[in-house]
Structure formats: C-alpha cells, structure tokens
Amino acid sequence: ISGQAMVERSLISNGCEIYGEVRNSVIGAGVTIEEGAV
C-alpha cells in the first residue's frame, strides 16, 4: 500500500498493489489499483 494510497474498511488480499483509494471493498489476491483510482 503506497504512501499516497488510502484504504478504509476493506479486505485486501496478498500480492495486491494499492496506489489509489479503496473504501468498503473486498479485494482479491494480486489486484493492482493505480494512482488516482477510486
């Protein structure tokens, strides 16, 4: 989870790379969420 990322009330699985914003979500393994994405 990068310094710019924001994660709130979510399940984040192994192998994920989070650069954007994740709220109230379930994120499976190896997911990439790029910068600026919500």
All heavy atoms as atom14 arrays in JSON, in Angstrom:
{
  "sequence": "ISGQAMVERSLISNGCEIYGEVRNSVIGAGVTIEEGAV",
  "atom14_mask": [
    [1, 1, 1, 1, 1, 1, 1, 1, 0, 0, 0, 0, 0, 0],
    [1, 1, 1, 1, 1, 1, 0, 0, 0, 0, 0, 0, 0, 0],
    [1, 1, 1, 1, 0, 0, 0, 0, 0, 0, 0, 0, 0, 0],
    [1, 1, 1, 1, 1, 1, 1, 1, 1, 0, 0, 0, 0, 0],
    [1, 1, 1, 1, 1, 0, 0, 0, 0, 0, 0, 0, 0, 0],
    [1, 1, 1, 1, 1, 1, 1, 1, 0, 0, 0, 0, 0, 0],
    [1, 1, 1, 1, 1, 1, 1, 0, 0, 0, 0, 0, 0, 0],
    [1, 1, 1, 1, 1, 1, 1, 1, 1, 0, 0, 0, 0, 0],
    [1, 1, 1, 1, 1, 1, 1, 1, 1, 1, 1, 0, 0, 0],
    [1, 1, 1, 1, 1, 1, 0, 0, 0, 0, 0, 0, 0, 0],
    [1, 1, 1, 1, 1, 1, 1, 1, 0, 0, 0, 0, 0, 0],
    [1, 1, 1, 1, 1, 1, 1, 1, 0, 0, 0, 0, 0, 0],
    [1, 1, 1, 1, 1, 1, 0, 0, 0, 0, 0, 0, 0, 0],
    [1, 1, 1, 1, 1, 1, 1, 1, 0, 0, 0, 0, 0, 0],
    [1, 1, 1, 1, 0, 0, 0, 0, 0, 0, 0, 0, 0, 0],
    [1, 1, 1, 1, 1, 1, 0, 0, 0, 0, 0, 0, 0, 0],
    [1, 1, 1, 1, 1, 1, 1, 1, 1, 0, 0, 0, 0, 0],
    [1, 1, 1, 1, 1, 1, 1, 1, 0, 0, 0, 0, 0, 0],
    [1, 1, 1, 1, 1, 1, 1, 1, 1, 1, 1, 1, 0, 0],
    [1, 1, 1, 1, 0, 0, 0, 0, 0, 0, 0, 0, 0, 0],
    [1, 1, 1, 1, 1, 1, 1, 1, 1, 0, 0, 0, 0, 0],
    [1, 1, 1, 1, 1, 1, 1, 0, 0, 0, 0, 0, 0, 0],
    [1, 1, 1, 1, 1, 1, 1, 1, 1, 1, 1, 0, 0, 0],
    [1, 1, 1, 1, 1, 1, 1, 1, 0, 0, 0, 0, 0, 0],
    [1, 1, 1, 1, 1, 1, 0, 0, 0, 0, 0, 0, 0, 0],
    [1, 1, 1, 1, 1, 1, 1, 0, 0, 0, 0, 0, 0, 0],
    [1, 1, 1, 1, 1, 1, 1, 1, 0, 0, 0, 0, 0, 0],
    [1, 1, 1, 1, 0, 0, 0, 0, 0, 0, 0, 0, 0, 0],
    [1, 1, 1, 1, 1, 0, 0, 0, 0, 0, 0, 0, 0, 0],
    [1, 1, 1, 1, 0, 0, 0, 0, 0, 0, 0, 0, 0, 0],
    [1, 1, 1, 1, 1, 1, 1, 0, 0, 0, 0, 0, 0, 0],
    [1, 1, 1, 1, 1, 1, 1, 0, 0, 0, 0, 0, 0, 0],
    [1, 1, 1, 1, 1, 1, 1, 1, 0, 0, 0, 0, 0, 0],
    [1, 1, 1, 1, 1, 1, 1, 1, 1, 0, 0, 0, 0, 0],
    [1, 1, 1, 1, 1, 1, 1, 1, 1, 0, 0, 0, 0, 0],
    [1, 1, 1, 1, 0, 0, 0, 0, 0, 0, 0, 0, 0, 0],
    [1, 1, 1, 1, 1, 0, 0, 0, 0, 0, 0, 0, 0, 0],
    [1, 1, 1, 1, 1, 1, 1, 0, 0, 0, 0, 0, 0, 0]
  ],
  "atom14_positions": [
    [[0.87, -1.19, 0.0], [0.0, 0.0, 0.0], [0.91, 1.23, 0.0], [1.68, 1.44, 0.94], [-0.95, -0.02, 1.21], [-1.87, -1.26, 1.09], [-1.79, 1.26, 1.28], [-2.75, -1.55, 2.26], [0.0, 0.0, 0.0], [0.0, 0.0, 0.0], [0.0, 0.0, 0.0], [0.0, 0.0, 0.0], [0.0, 0.0, 0.0], [0.0, 0.0, 0.0]],
    [[0.84, 2.02, -1.05], [1.79, 3.13, -1.22], [1.48, 4.28, -0.25], [0.39, 4.34, 0.35], [1.77, 3.65, -2.66], [0.64, 4.5, -2.84], [0.0, 0.0, 0.0], [0.0, 0.0, 0.0], [0.0, 0.0, 0.0], [0.0, 0.0, 0.0], [0.0, 0.0, 0.0], [0.0, 0.0, 0.0], [0.0, 0.0, 0.0], [0.0, 0.0, 0.0]],
    [[2.4, 5.22, -0.18], [2.23, 6.38, 0.71], [1.05, 7.26, 0.31], [0.41, 7.89, 1.15], [0.0, 0.0, 0.0], [0.0, 0.0, 0.0], [0.0, 0.0, 0.0], [0.0, 0.0, 0.0], [0.0, 0.0, 0.0], [0.0, 0.0, 0.0], [0.0, 0.0, 0.0], [0.0, 0.0, 0.0], [0.0, 0.0, 0.0], [0.0, 0.0, 0.0]],
    [[0.72, 7.3, -0.97], [-0.39, 8.15, -1.47], [-1.75, 7.44, -1.36], [-2.8, 8.06, -1.51], [-0.21, 8.56, -2.94], [1.09, 9.21, -3.31], [2.12, 8.19, -3.73], [2.76, 7.61, -2.89], [2.29, 7.95, -5.03], [0.0, 0.0, 0.0], [0.0, 0.0, 0.0], [0.0, 0.0, 0.0], [0.0, 0.0, 0.0], [0.0, 0.0, 0.0]],
    [[-1.7, 6.11, -1.14], [-2.94, 5.33, -1.15], [-3.79, 5.63, 0.09], [-3.3, 6.1, 1.11], [-2.62, 3.85, -1.2], [0.0, 0.0, 0.0], [0.0, 0.0, 0.0], [0.0, 0.0, 0.0], [0.0, 0.0, 0.0], [0.0, 0.0, 0.0], [0.0, 0.0, 0.0], [0.0, 0.0, 0.0], [0.0, 0.0, 0.0], [0.0, 0.0, 0.0]],
    [[-5.09, 5.29, -0.04], [-5.99, 5.44, 1.09], [-6.89, 4.2, 1.13], [-7.57, 3.89, 0.14], [-6.84, 6.7, 0.85], [-7.27, 7.48, 2.04], [-8.14, 6.8, 3.3], [-9.66, 6.45, 2.6], [0.0, 0.0, 0.0], [0.0, 0.0, 0.0], [0.0, 0.0, 0.0], [0.0, 0.0, 0.0], [0.0, 0.0, 0.0], [0.0, 0.0, 0.0]],
    [[-6.84, 3.47, 2.21], [-7.66, 2.26, 2.35], [-8.53, 2.39, 3.59], [-8.03, 2.69, 4.67], [-6.78, 0.99, 2.47], [-7.66, -0.24, 2.7], [-5.94, 0.8, 1.2], [0.0, 0.0, 0.0], [0.0, 0.0, 0.0], [0.0, 0.0, 0.0], [0.0, 0.0, 0.0], [0.0, 0.0, 0.0], [0.0, 0.0, 0.0], [0.0, 0.0, 0.0]],
    [[-9.83, 2.17, 3.43], [-10.76, 2.29, 4.55], [-11.74, 1.12, 4.55], [-12.36, 0.8, 3.54], [-11.52, 3.62, 4.42], [-12.49, 3.91, 5.55], [-13.23, 5.21, 5.29], [-12.71, 6.26, 5.66], [-14.31, 5.19, 4.67], [0.0, 0.0, 0.0], [0.0, 0.0, 0.0], [0.0, 0.0, 0.0], [0.0, 0.0, 0.0], [0.0, 0.0, 0.0]],
    [[-11.83, 0.41, 5.67], [-12.84, -0.62, 5.89], [-12.92, -1.62, 4.73], [-13.95, -1.81, 4.14], [-14.2, 0.04, 6.12], [-15.22, -0.77, 6.89], [-16.37, 0.06, 7.32], [-17.53, -0.76, 7.63], [-18.52, -1.04, 6.78], [-18.51, -0.56, 5.58], [-19.54, -1.8, 7.15], [0.0, 0.0, 0.0], [0.0, 0.0, 0.0], [0.0, 0.0, 0.0]],
    [[-11.79, -2.24, 4.42], [-11.73, -3.15, 3.27], [-10.9, -4.37, 3.62], [-10.08, -4.36, 4.52], [-11.1, -2.43, 2.06], [-11.92, -1.33, 1.68], [0.0, 0.0, 0.0], [0.0, 0.0, 0.0], [0.0, 0.0, 0.0], [0.0, 0.0, 0.0], [0.0, 0.0, 0.0], [0.0, 0.0, 0.0], [0.0, 0.0, 0.0], [0.0, 0.0, 0.0]],
    [[-11.14, -5.46, 2.88], [-10.28, -6.64, 2.94], [-9.33, -6.57, 1.76], [-9.78, -6.49, 0.6], [-11.1, -7.93, 2.84], [-11.99, -8.33, 4.02], [-12.68, -9.67, 3.7], [-11.22, -8.47, 5.29], [0.0, 0.0, 0.0], [0.0, 0.0, 0.0], [0.0, 0.0, 0.0], [0.0, 0.0, 0.0], [0.0, 0.0, 0.0], [0.0, 0.0, 0.0]],
    [[-8.04, -6.6, 2.02], [-7.03, -6.55, 0.96], [-6.21, -7.84, 1.03], [-5.57, -8.13, 2.04], [-6.08, -5.33, 1.12], [-6.88, -4.02, 1.35], [-5.16, -5.22, -0.08], [-7.63, -3.49, 0.19], [0.0, 0.0, 0.0], [0.0, 0.0, 0.0], [0.0, 0.0, 0.0], [0.0, 0.0, 0.0], [0.0, 0.0, 0.0], [0.0, 0.0, 0.0]],
    [[-6.21, -8.61, -0.04], [-5.52, -9.91, -0.04], [-4.03, -9.76, -0.39], [-3.57, -8.69, -0.8], [-6.2, -10.86, -1.02], [-7.56, -11.0, -0.7], [0.0, 0.0, 0.0], [0.0, 0.0, 0.0], [0.0, 0.0, 0.0], [0.0, 0.0, 0.0], [0.0, 0.0, 0.0], [0.0, 0.0, 0.0], [0.0, 0.0, 0.0], [0.0, 0.0, 0.0]],
    [[-3.31, -10.87, -0.27], [-1.88, -10.89, -0.57], [-1.62, -10.53, -2.03], [-2.46, -10.77, -2.92], [-1.29, -12.28, -0.31], [-1.1, -12.53, 1.16], [-1.28, -11.64, 1.99], [-0.69, -13.74, 1.51], [0.0, 0.0, 0.0], [0.0, 0.0, 0.0], [0.0, 0.0, 0.0], [0.0, 0.0, 0.0], [0.0, 0.0, 0.0], [0.0, 0.0, 0.0]],
    [[-0.42, -9.99, -2.25], [0.02, -9.72, -3.63], [-0.6, -8.49, -4.27], [-0.33, -8.2, -5.43], [0.0, 0.0, 0.0], [0.0, 0.0, 0.0], [0.0, 0.0, 0.0], [0.0, 0.0, 0.0], [0.0, 0.0, 0.0], [0.0, 0.0, 0.0], [0.0, 0.0, 0.0], [0.0, 0.0, 0.0], [0.0, 0.0, 0.0], [0.0, 0.0, 0.0]],
    [[-1.43, -7.74, -3.52], [-2.05, -6.54, -4.08], [-1.08, -5.37, -4.07], [-0.23, -5.25, -3.18], [-3.3, -6.14, -3.28], [-4.68, -7.26, -3.52], [0.0, 0.0, 0.0], [0.0, 0.0, 0.0], [0.0, 0.0, 0.0], [0.0, 0.0, 0.0], [0.0, 0.0, 0.0], [0.0, 0.0, 0.0], [0.0, 0.0, 0.0], [0.0, 0.0, 0.0]],
    [[-1.27, -4.49, -5.04], [-0.55, -3.22, -5.06], [-1.59, -2.1, -5.13], [-2.33, -1.99, -6.12], [0.39, -3.15, -6.26], [1.54, -4.18, -6.2], [2.46, -4.07, -7.38], [2.75, -2.93, -7.82], [2.91, -5.12, -7.89], [0.0, 0.0, 0.0], [0.0, 0.0, 0.0], [0.0, 0.0, 0.0], [0.0, 0.0, 0.0], [0.0, 0.0, 0.0]],
    [[-1.65, -1.3, -4.08], [-2.68, -0.25, -3.98], [-1.99, 1.12, -4.03], [-1.22, 1.47, -3.12], [-3.51, -0.38, -2.67], [-3.98, -1.82, -2.45], [-4.67, 0.62, -2.69], [-5.02, -2.34, -3.35], [0.0, 0.0, 0.0], [0.0, 0.0, 0.0], [0.0, 0.0, 0.0], [0.0, 0.0, 0.0], [0.0, 0.0, 0.0], [0.0, 0.0, 0.0]],
    [[-2.27, 1.87, -5.07], [-1.72, 3.23, -5.2], [-2.85, 4.26, -5.12], [-2.58, 5.44, -4.97], [-0.98, 3.39, -6.54], [0.16, 2.39, -6.7], [-0.04, 1.18, -7.36], [1.41, 2.66, -6.17], [0.98, 0.26, -7.5], [2.45, 1.74, -6.31], [2.22, 0.54, -6.96], [3.24, -0.37, -7.08], [0.0, 0.0, 0.0], [0.0, 0.0, 0.0]],
    [[-4.1, 3.8, -5.25], [-5.26, 4.71, -5.25], [-6.03, 4.64, -3.95], [-5.48, 4.41, -2.87], [0.0, 0.0, 0.0], [0.0, 0.0, 0.0], [0.0, 0.0, 0.0], [0.0, 0.0, 0.0], [0.0, 0.0, 0.0], [0.0, 0.0, 0.0], [0.0, 0.0, 0.0], [0.0, 0.0, 0.0], [0.0, 0.0, 0.0], [0.0, 0.0, 0.0]],
    [[-7.35, 4.76, -4.06], [-8.23, 4.82, -2.89], [-9.2, 3.62, -2.89], [-9.83, 3.34, -3.91], [-9.02, 6.14, -2.98], [-9.76, 6.53, -1.75], [-10.45, 7.88, -1.94], [-9.78, 8.88, -2.3], [-11.67, 7.93, -1.76], [0.0, 0.0, 0.0], [0.0, 0.0, 0.0], [0.0, 0.0, 0.0], [0.0, 0.0, 0.0], [0.0, 0.0, 0.0]],
    [[-9.3, 2.95, -1.77], [-10.21, 1.79, -1.66], [-11.08, 1.97, -0.42], [-10.57, 2.14, 0.68], [-9.42, 0.46, -1.52], [-10.39, -0.73, -1.45], [-8.45, 0.27, -2.67], [0.0, 0.0, 0.0], [0.0, 0.0, 0.0], [0.0, 0.0, 0.0], [0.0, 0.0, 0.0], [0.0, 0.0, 0.0], [0.0, 0.0, 0.0], [0.0, 0.0, 0.0]],
    [[-12.4, 1.95, -0.6], [-13.32, 2.09, 0.52], [-14.39, 0.99, 0.48], [-14.95, 0.7, -0.59], [-14.02, 3.46, 0.48], [-13.07, 4.65, 0.64], [-13.85, 5.96, 0.56], [-12.96, 7.1, 0.5], [-12.49, 7.76, 1.56], [-12.85, 7.39, 2.76], [-11.68, 8.8, 1.41], [0.0, 0.0, 0.0], [0.0, 0.0, 0.0], [0.0, 0.0, 0.0]],
    [[-14.66, 0.39, 1.59], [-15.76, -0.6, 1.73], [-15.74, -1.65, 0.62], [-16.74, -1.9, -0.05], [-17.14, 0.1, 1.68], [-17.35, 0.98, 2.87], [-16.67, 0.86, 3.88], [-18.27, 1.87, 2.77], [0.0, 0.0, 0.0], [0.0, 0.0, 0.0], [0.0, 0.0, 0.0], [0.0, 0.0, 0.0], [0.0, 0.0, 0.0], [0.0, 0.0, 0.0]],
    [[-14.6, -2.26, 0.41], [-14.48, -3.19, -0.71], [-13.73, -4.46, -0.29], [-13.02, -4.49, 0.71], [-13.75, -2.52, -1.88], [-14.54, -1.45, -2.39], [0.0, 0.0, 0.0], [0.0, 0.0, 0.0], [0.0, 0.0, 0.0], [0.0, 0.0, 0.0], [0.0, 0.0, 0.0], [0.0, 0.0, 0.0], [0.0, 0.0, 0.0], [0.0, 0.0, 0.0]],
    [[-13.93, -5.51, -1.1], [-13.22, -6.78, -0.9], [-12.32, -6.97, -2.11], [-12.8, -7.11, -3.24], [-14.21, -7.95, -0.75], [-13.47, -9.28, -0.67], [-15.08, -7.76, 0.5], [0.0, 0.0, 0.0], [0.0, 0.0, 0.0], [0.0, 0.0, 0.0], [0.0, 0.0, 0.0], [0.0, 0.0, 0.0], [0.0, 0.0, 0.0], [0.0, 0.0, 0.0]],
    [[-11.02, -6.98, -1.86], [-10.03, -7.0, -2.94], [-9.29, -8.34, -2.92], [-8.64, -8.7, -1.93], [-9.03, -5.82, -2.8], [-9.77, -4.48, -2.62], [-8.08, -5.78, -3.98], [-10.65, -4.06, -3.77], [0.0, 0.0, 0.0], [0.0, 0.0, 0.0], [0.0, 0.0, 0.0], [0.0, 0.0, 0.0], [0.0, 0.0, 0.0], [0.0, 0.0, 0.0]],
    [[-9.38, -9.09, -4.03], [-8.75, -10.41, -4.14], [-7.25, -10.32, -4.31], [-6.65, -9.23, -4.36], [0.0, 0.0, 0.0], [0.0, 0.0, 0.0], [0.0, 0.0, 0.0], [0.0, 0.0, 0.0], [0.0, 0.0, 0.0], [0.0, 0.0, 0.0], [0.0, 0.0, 0.0], [0.0, 0.0, 0.0], [0.0, 0.0, 0.0], [0.0, 0.0, 0.0]],
    [[-6.61, -11.48, -4.41], [-5.14, -11.55, -4.47], [-4.61, -10.98, -5.78], [-5.22, -11.13, -6.85], [-4.71, -13.01, -4.31], [0.0, 0.0, 0.0], [0.0, 0.0, 0.0], [0.0, 0.0, 0.0], [0.0, 0.0, 0.0], [0.0, 0.0, 0.0], [0.0, 0.0, 0.0], [0.0, 0.0, 0.0], [0.0, 0.0, 0.0], [0.0, 0.0, 0.0]],
    [[-3.44, -10.33, -5.68], [-2.74, -9.87, -6.89], [-3.45, -8.79, -7.68], [-3.19, -8.62, -8.88], [0.0, 0.0, 0.0], [0.0, 0.0, 0.0], [0.0, 0.0, 0.0], [0.0, 0.0, 0.0], [0.0, 0.0, 0.0], [0.0, 0.0, 0.0], [0.0, 0.0, 0.0], [0.0, 0.0, 0.0], [0.0, 0.0, 0.0], [0.0, 0.0, 0.0]],
    [[-4.3, -8.01, -7.03], [-5.0, -6.91, -7.7], [-4.12, -5.66, -7.7], [-3.44, -5.37, -6.7], [-6.36, -6.61, -6.99], [-6.96, -5.29, -7.47], [-7.34, -7.77, -7.23], [0.0, 0.0, 0.0], [0.0, 0.0, 0.0], [0.0, 0.0, 0.0], [0.0, 0.0, 0.0], [0.0, 0.0, 0.0], [0.0, 0.0, 0.0], [0.0, 0.0, 0.0]],
    [[-4.13, -4.92, -8.8], [-3.41, -3.64, -8.87], [-4.43, -2.51, -9.05], [-5.27, -2.57, -9.96], [-2.41, -3.63, -10.04], [-1.5, -4.73, -9.88], [-1.63, -2.33, -10.09], [0.0, 0.0, 0.0], [0.0, 0.0, 0.0], [0.0, 0.0, 0.0], [0.0, 0.0, 0.0], [0.0, 0.0, 0.0], [0.0, 0.0, 0.0], [0.0, 0.0, 0.0]],
    [[-4.36, -1.51, -8.18], [-5.21, -0.31, -8.29], [-4.27, 0.88, -8.44], [-3.53, 1.23, -7.52], [-6.13, -0.17, -7.06], [-7.08, -1.38, -6.99], [-6.93, 1.14, -7.11], [-7.92, -1.47, -5.74], [0.0, 0.0, 0.0], [0.0, 0.0, 0.0], [0.0, 0.0, 0.0], [0.0, 0.0, 0.0], [0.0, 0.0, 0.0], [0.0, 0.0, 0.0]],
    [[-4.27, 1.47, -9.63], [-3.3, 2.51, -9.97], [-3.61, 3.85, -9.3], [-4.68, 4.05, -8.73], [-3.25, 2.68, -11.5], [-2.81, 1.41, -12.26], [-1.33, 1.15, -12.25], [-0.62, 1.87, -11.51], [-0.88, 0.23, -12.97], [0.0, 0.0, 0.0], [0.0, 0.0, 0.0], [0.0, 0.0, 0.0], [0.0, 0.0, 0.0], [0.0, 0.0, 0.0]],
    [[-2.66, 4.77, -9.44], [-2.8, 6.11, -8.83], [-4.06, 6.82, -9.29], [-4.44, 6.75, -10.47], [-1.61, 7.01, -9.2], [-0.31, 6.58, -8.84], [0.8, 7.34, -9.51], [0.57, 8.47, -9.96], [1.89, 6.78, -9.6], [0.0, 0.0, 0.0], [0.0, 0.0, 0.0], [0.0, 0.0, 0.0], [0.0, 0.0, 0.0], [0.0, 0.0, 0.0]],
    [[-4.66, 7.53, -8.35], [-5.82, 8.35, -8.69], [-7.11, 7.57, -8.86], [-8.18, 8.14, -9.03], [0.0, 0.0, 0.0], [0.0, 0.0, 0.0], [0.0, 0.0, 0.0], [0.0, 0.0, 0.0], [0.0, 0.0, 0.0], [0.0, 0.0, 0.0], [0.0, 0.0, 0.0], [0.0, 0.0, 0.0], [0.0, 0.0, 0.0], [0.0, 0.0, 0.0]],
    [[-7.03, 6.22, -8.84], [-8.25, 5.41, -8.98], [-8.98, 5.35, -7.64], [-8.36, 5.34, -6.57], [-7.9, 4.0, -9.44], [0.0, 0.0, 0.0], [0.0, 0.0, 0.0], [0.0, 0.0, 0.0], [0.0, 0.0, 0.0], [0.0, 0.0, 0.0], [0.0, 0.0, 0.0], [0.0, 0.0, 0.0], [0.0, 0.0, 0.0], [0.0, 0.0, 0.0]],
    [[-10.32, 5.3, -7.71], [-11.16, 5.2, -6.5], [-12.06, 3.97, -6.66], [-12.79, 3.86, -7.64], [-12.03, 6.47, -6.31], [-12.89, 6.34, -5.06], [-11.16, 7.72, -6.23], [0.0, 0.0, 0.0], [0.0, 0.0, 0.0], [0.0, 0.0, 0.0], [0.0, 0.0, 0.0], [0.0, 0.0, 0.0], [0.0, 0.0, 0.0], [0.0, 0.0, 0.0]]
  ]
}
